[in-house]
Amino acid sequence: MKQGIHPENYRLVVFQDMSNGTSFLSKTTAPSKENIKWEDGKEYPLIKLEISNTSHPFFTGKMKLVDTAGRVDKFNTRYKDHVGKKKEKEKEKEKGEEIE
């Protein structure tokens, strides 16, 4: 490894998966504003995750939609008009073919 390019401030941090509540202790340099009391009775910084290996479909083998930020709803409302216009054009095209 090159000297002087890697951070030296690694510390123990609790990562908590917000979709299923699973927590694990690991080292990181990521900043955190919250603390949590861990199983060993000590307090550690807390980093909240939207998804981890305990809830990701690749690792669990289950297809589960995790939408904590409403991204699917935002997408559907944003492109609702576009999809509707496309369907209308397809219907008009089918009607035109029926007449001929």
Protein backbone atom coordinates (compact mmCIF):
# COMPACT_ATOMS: atom_id res chain seq x y z
CA MET A 1 0.00 0.00 0.00
CA LYS A 2 1.11 3.55 -0.63
CA GLN A 3 2.07 5.42 2.50
CA GLY A 4 0.19 8.55 3.57
CA ILE A 5 -2.94 8.18 1.38
CA HIS A 6 -5.15 6.06 3.65
CA PRO A 7 -7.12 7.49 6.58
CA GLU A 8 -5.92 6.64 10.05
CA ASN A 9 -9.01 7.61 12.05
CA TYR A 10 -10.86 4.27 11.87
CA ARG A 11 -13.21 3.67 14.80
CA LEU A 12 -15.88 1.17 15.80
CA VAL A 13 -19.37 2.16 14.62
CA VAL A 14 -22.79 0.48 14.78
CA PHE A 15 -24.53 0.20 11.41
CA GLN A 16 -28.31 -0.23 11.58
CA ASP A 17 -30.45 -1.41 8.65
CA MET A 18 -33.61 0.72 8.83
CA SER A 19 -35.69 -1.64 6.67
CA ASN A 20 -35.48 -4.56 9.12
CA GLY A 21 -33.76 -3.23 12.26
CA THR A 22 -30.67 -5.45 12.03
CA SER A 23 -27.50 -3.93 13.52
CA PHE A 24 -23.81 -4.81 13.29
CA LEU A 25 -20.57 -3.41 14.64
CA SER A 26 -17.73 -2.57 12.25
CA LYS A 27 -14.92 -0.09 11.69
CA THR A 28 -15.26 2.99 9.49
CA THR A 29 -14.13 6.58 9.05
CA ALA A 30 -17.64 7.79 8.13
CA PRO A 31 -18.97 10.64 10.32
CA SER A 32 -21.98 10.16 12.57
CA LYS A 33 -24.10 12.50 14.69
CA GLU A 34 -26.00 9.85 16.66
CA ASN A 35 -24.90 7.35 19.30
CA ILE A 36 -26.34 4.01 20.40
CA LYS A 37 -25.68 1.64 23.28
CA TRP A 38 -24.38 -1.69 21.94
CA GLU A 39 -24.74 -5.23 23.35
CA ASP A 40 -21.45 -4.94 25.25
CA GLY A 41 -22.79 -1.95 27.24
CA LYS A 42 -20.58 0.63 25.51
CA GLU A 43 -21.82 3.56 23.45
CA TYR A 44 -20.83 3.75 19.78
CA PRO A 45 -21.62 6.16 16.93
CA LEU A 46 -24.67 5.06 14.86
CA ILE A 47 -24.90 5.07 11.07
CA LYS A 48 -28.33 4.28 9.59
CA LEU A 49 -28.51 2.31 6.33
CA GLU A 50 -31.46 1.99 3.96
CA ILE A 51 -30.38 -1.48 2.88
CA SER A 52 -27.72 -4.00 3.93
CA ASN A 53 -26.84 -7.62 3.27
CA THR A 54 -29.65 -8.69 5.62
CA SER A 55 -32.34 -7.02 3.50
CA HIS A 56 -30.89 -6.92 -0.04
CA PRO A 57 -32.62 -9.34 -2.47
CA PHE A 58 -29.28 -10.63 -3.80
CA PHE A 59 -28.25 -11.92 -0.37
CA THR A 60 -31.70 -12.95 0.94
CA GLY A 61 -32.97 -14.61 -2.24
CA LYS A 62 -36.33 -12.88 -1.79
CA MET A 63 -37.62 -10.16 -4.04
CA LYS A 64 -38.82 -7.43 -1.73
CA LEU A 65 -39.49 -3.83 -2.72
CA VAL A 66 -37.71 -1.53 -0.30
CA ASP A 67 -38.92 2.00 -0.95
CA THR A 68 -38.14 4.16 2.06
CA ALA A 69 -37.96 7.44 0.16
CA GLY A 70 -41.04 7.01 -2.07
CA ARG A 71 -38.90 6.80 -5.20
CA VAL A 72 -41.30 4.46 -7.01
CA ASP A 73 -44.23 6.80 -6.41
CA LYS A 74 -42.19 9.79 -7.57
CA PHE A 75 -41.22 7.95 -10.75
CA ASN A 76 -44.81 6.90 -11.48
CA THR A 77 -46.20 10.41 -10.99
CA ARG A 78 -43.41 11.99 -13.02
CA TYR A 79 -43.87 9.72 -16.04
CA LYS A 80 -47.62 9.12 -15.79
CA ASP A 81 -48.38 11.57 -18.60
CA HIS A 82 -45.66 10.13 -20.83
CA VAL A 83 -46.97 6.56 -20.46
CA GLY A 84 -50.58 7.73 -21.03
CA LYS A 85 -49.66 9.52 -24.26
CA LYS A 86 -47.79 6.48 -25.51
CA LYS A 87 -50.84 4.26 -24.90
CA GLU A 88 -53.09 6.74 -26.72
CA LYS A 89 -50.78 6.73 -29.77
CA GLU A 90 -50.80 2.92 -29.80
CA LYS A 91 -54.63 2.88 -29.72
CA GLU A 92 -54.82 5.41 -32.56
CA LYS A 93 -52.37 3.33 -34.59
CA GLU A 94 -54.48 0.19 -34.03
CA LYS A 95 -57.66 2.03 -35.10
CA GLY A 96 -55.92 3.26 -38.26
CA GLU A 97 -54.88 -0.31 -39.15
CA GLU A 98 -58.43 -1.62 -38.59
CA ILE A 99 -59.91 0.90 -41.07
CA GLU A 100 -57.55 -0.15 -43.88
